[in-house]
C-alpha cells in the first residue's frame, strides 16, 4: 500500500483546481513535502503562501510542461533539491473547446503536448529512480472524455484516450516486471474548476475538493483505476453492448452529454 505520510510529492498543474487541492490534502495527511509545478506565476505564489502559512513544506517551480527540455531541467532540480519523488501526480491539462475544423495547428499541438506527451516525458524523468528504489506511485489524471466522444472536444478526447491507453499499459509493465511502482489512472467527469466554465450537464458536475480526496484515497489504497462519478463506470460496458446510434441517443440526446459543451467558455489562457 502506498502511503502519503512522510512522502515527497510532485503535482503538475498544482497551483489551482484539483491540483492545488490534492497538494493541500496530501500535506494535511502527513506528506513531508510537496513540489508544485505550474505556468501561472501569480497562482504559484498564492499557493505557496497559503500552504506555508498553514505550516506545510511546499516548493514551487514555474514549468511549462509542453517543452520537454524545460521538464528535464525542472526534474533535475527537484531531485537535487528535494531528493527522490515518491508520488508523481500528472495533473496539468488544457482544453480548447472548439469543433475540430475550427482548431489551429498550434492549438492541436499544445493540447497534445500538455495533455499527453508531457505526462510521458515527466514520468520518464522520475520512473527510473522509482524502479531503482522499488518504490513509487504514478497518478495519471485522464478523463471520462477518454471513454466517450463528445462534440467540441475532439482533440481533448483524443489526448485523454491516449493517456488511458498509455497509463494502463505502463501499469501492466510495472506489474509484470515486479518493480514495486504503482500506477493509478483517474477518469473524472467535468470538474467545477473554471477549466470547463460554461459546461451544462444533466449529470452533476464534480466539485474539486471531494475529487481531490478520492484521488488521494485511491493512491493510499493502490487502486489501479478511479472513475468519477460512479456512473462513468457504466460507460465501457454500455458503449460495447449498445449499437452506435442507440448509444448516441442514450448518452448524447437523452443524457445530454453531446450538448454539454454548447455554452463552453473556459479559461483558455490558463493551464490547470
Foldseek 3Di string as FASTA:
>chain_A
DDALAQFEEEFEVQLFFLNVLLLLVSVVRHHQEYEYEFQDPVSQVVSVVVSVVVVHHYHYDHADLLDLVSLLVVLVVCCVPPNAHQEYELDKAAADQAAPVPDDPVVLSSRLSNLAVSLVSNCVSRVVVCLVVLGHEYEREAALLLQDPAGSGVSNSVSRVNVVVVQVVVQVVCVVVSSNYAYAYEHEYAEPGLQFPFFDWPPDHHYSNVVSVVSVVCVVVSPRYHYPPPVSVCRVVVCVPDDPVVVCCVVCPVGPRNVRSVGTDGDRVGID
